[in-house]
Amino acid sequence: MESKAYEIGYLLSPLVLEEAILAMVDELVRTPVEKAGGTVTGTTPPKRQALAYQIGKAINHKRTNYREAYFGAVRFDAAPETLAAIKKDLDLAENILRYIMINLPRRAELPAAKRPLGARRAKAPTADKTVKGAKPEITKEEIDKEIEGLLTQTA
């Protein structure tokens, strides 16, 4: 059967050491995809971030709650019948808090790098200072004259 494009978005436990995170992604996400006959076509490196809400996961019959996690994604091509095997491996991985597997359009691109929160865009310089809808600059003398005109009208 023909292969289709998919993406797995995942949240990994924040207890994983930062130095070991890429090896953990290879072991927990990339290996099950390749073992099932899929081909990895791209990745979004995991980044540690605060979660919008607390996520709980039971590991060895003990429930732990997390307020942050590593978020990343892996894109791959695989036959639809191999998804059950990939899902089973992801469900058994203790360090994966949550994941979602979606079907992608064939020409989907990896997301562009985002600017950090709070970073402001630099305004592009314009050669022409007169922007449509913008008012021309007023000098101090013109402002004083306008104020005088308003004051004499109300008096």
Protein backbone atom coordinates (compact mmCIF):
# COMPACT_ATOMS: atom_id res chain seq x y z
CA MET A 1 0.00 0.00 0.00
CA GLU A 2 1.11 3.59 -0.62
CA SER A 3 2.74 5.48 2.24
CA LYS A 4 1.29 8.70 3.60
CA ALA A 5 2.79 11.63 5.49
CA TYR A 6 2.20 11.88 9.25
CA GLU A 7 3.42 13.92 12.18
CA ILE A 8 3.74 13.01 15.84
CA GLY A 9 3.67 15.92 18.28
CA TYR A 10 4.81 14.87 21.74
CA LEU A 11 5.38 16.07 25.29
CA LEU A 12 8.33 14.41 27.05
CA SER A 13 8.86 14.29 30.79
CA PRO A 14 10.84 17.23 32.18
CA LEU A 15 12.73 14.74 34.37
CA VAL A 16 14.83 13.72 31.35
CA LEU A 17 18.23 15.42 31.42
CA GLU A 18 18.64 18.07 28.73
CA GLU A 19 21.82 16.36 27.45
CA ALA A 20 19.87 13.11 26.95
CA ILE A 21 16.75 14.56 25.34
CA LEU A 22 17.77 13.97 21.70
CA ALA A 23 18.75 10.36 22.44
CA MET A 24 15.41 9.91 24.21
CA VAL A 25 13.52 11.22 21.14
CA ASP A 26 15.45 8.78 18.94
CA GLU A 27 14.64 5.91 21.28
CA LEU A 28 10.98 6.70 22.00
CA VAL A 29 9.72 8.23 18.75
CA ARG A 30 12.13 7.71 15.85
CA THR A 31 12.89 4.02 16.55
CA PRO A 32 9.22 2.88 16.63
CA VAL A 33 8.56 4.69 13.34
CA GLU A 34 11.56 3.08 11.63
CA LYS A 35 10.85 -0.33 13.22
CA ALA A 36 7.35 -0.24 11.68
CA GLY A 37 8.82 0.51 8.23
CA GLY A 38 8.34 4.27 8.23
CA THR A 39 10.84 6.87 7.07
CA VAL A 40 11.50 9.97 9.18
CA THR A 41 11.40 13.06 6.96
CA GLY A 42 11.89 15.86 9.48
CA THR A 43 11.98 16.82 13.12
CA THR A 44 11.30 19.81 15.30
CA PRO A 45 13.81 19.69 18.16
CA PRO A 46 12.21 19.44 21.59
CA LYS A 47 12.13 22.59 23.71
CA ARG A 48 11.30 22.77 27.38
CA GLN A 49 8.27 24.93 28.10
CA ALA A 50 5.64 25.59 30.71
CA LEU A 51 2.33 23.82 30.14
CA ALA A 52 -0.99 25.64 30.03
CA TYR A 53 -2.35 23.20 32.59
CA GLN A 54 -1.01 20.43 34.79
CA ILE A 55 -0.67 16.99 33.17
CA GLY A 56 -0.67 13.80 35.22
CA LYS A 57 0.79 10.44 34.24
CA ALA A 58 0.86 7.17 36.18
CA ILE A 59 4.24 5.44 36.08
CA ASN A 60 4.68 2.17 38.01
CA HIS A 61 1.29 2.70 39.70
CA LYS A 62 2.37 6.10 41.00
CA ARG A 63 0.76 9.26 39.61
CA THR A 64 3.01 12.25 38.98
CA ASN A 65 1.86 15.71 37.89
CA TYR A 66 3.87 17.92 35.56
CA ARG A 67 3.71 21.67 34.96
CA GLU A 68 6.32 21.73 32.18
CA ALA A 69 7.57 19.35 29.51
CA TYR A 70 9.69 19.09 26.38
CA PHE A 71 7.60 19.69 23.26
CA GLY A 72 8.74 18.52 19.83
CA ALA A 73 7.54 16.84 16.65
CA VAL A 74 8.64 14.16 14.19
CA ARG A 75 7.40 13.92 10.61
CA PHE A 76 7.46 10.64 8.76
CA ASP A 77 6.12 8.67 5.81
CA ALA A 78 4.54 5.28 6.52
CA ALA A 79 1.88 2.90 5.30
CA PRO A 80 -1.44 3.41 7.14
CA GLU A 81 -1.48 -0.17 8.42
CA THR A 82 1.75 0.42 10.39
CA LEU A 83 0.24 3.19 12.55
CA ALA A 84 -1.20 0.74 15.10
CA ALA A 85 2.27 -0.66 15.85
CA ILE A 86 3.74 2.85 16.20
CA LYS A 87 0.86 3.90 18.48
CA LYS A 88 1.37 0.83 20.68
CA ASP A 89 5.07 1.67 21.19
CA LEU A 90 4.26 5.31 21.99
CA ASP A 91 1.58 4.27 24.50
CA LEU A 92 4.10 2.08 26.36
CA ALA A 93 6.79 4.80 26.60
CA GLU A 94 6.86 6.05 30.20
CA ASN A 95 8.62 9.34 29.40
CA ILE A 96 6.04 10.43 26.82
CA LEU A 97 3.39 12.37 28.74
CA ARG A 98 1.12 12.98 25.75
CA TYR A 99 1.31 12.68 21.99
CA ILE A 100 -0.83 13.25 18.94
CA MET A 101 -0.41 11.63 15.54
CA ILE A 102 -1.91 13.47 12.57
CA ASN A 103 -2.19 12.84 8.85
CA LEU A 104 -0.44 15.56 6.83
CA PRO A 105 -1.00 16.85 3.33
CA ARG A 106 1.76 15.58 1.07
CA ARG A 107 3.46 18.99 0.66
CA ALA A 108 3.33 20.15 4.29
CA GLU A 109 6.41 22.05 5.42
CA LEU A 110 8.04 22.14 8.84
CA PRO A 111 7.06 25.26 10.76
CA ALA A 112 9.43 28.21 10.52
CA ALA A 113 11.43 29.10 13.59
CA LYS A 114 9.35 31.36 15.78
CA ARG A 115 10.63 34.46 17.46
CA PRO A 116 10.72 34.32 21.25
CA LEU A 117 7.74 35.57 23.20
CA GLY A 118 8.09 39.21 24.07
CA ALA A 119 10.45 39.91 21.15
CA ARG A 120 9.33 42.84 19.09
CA ARG A 121 9.48 43.08 15.36
CA ALA A 122 11.81 45.69 13.99
CA LYS A 123 9.94 48.19 11.89
CA ALA A 124 11.06 48.18 8.31
CA PRO A 125 12.46 51.55 7.25
CA THR A 126 10.40 53.29 4.63
CA ALA A 127 11.88 55.53 1.97
CA ASP A 128 8.66 57.50 1.65
CA LYS A 129 7.66 59.12 4.96
CA THR A 130 4.12 59.77 3.76
CA VAL A 131 2.27 56.57 4.50
CA LYS A 132 -1.28 56.29 3.27
CA GLY A 133 -3.60 57.49 6.04
CA ALA A 134 -0.73 58.93 8.13
CA LYS A 135 -0.86 62.57 9.19
CA PRO A 136 2.09 64.86 8.50
CA GLU A 137 4.20 65.98 11.45
CA ILE A 138 3.11 69.22 13.12
CA THR A 139 5.59 71.76 14.46
CA LYS A 140 5.41 73.26 17.95
CA GLU A 141 4.42 76.63 16.51
CA GLU A 142 1.47 75.08 14.64
CA ILE A 143 0.31 73.35 17.83
CA ASP A 144 0.51 76.64 19.79
CA LYS A 145 -1.44 78.44 17.07
CA GLU A 146 -4.15 75.72 17.12
CA ILE A 147 -4.43 75.92 20.92
CA GLU A 148 -4.74 79.72 20.77
CA GLY A 149 -7.51 79.34 18.19
CA LEU A 150 -9.41 76.92 20.41
CA LEU A 151 -9.01 79.12 23.49
CA THR A 152 -10.34 82.22 21.71
CA GLN A 153 -13.39 80.31 20.42
CA THR A 154 -14.44 79.19 23.91
CA ALA A 155 -13.84 82.57 25.60
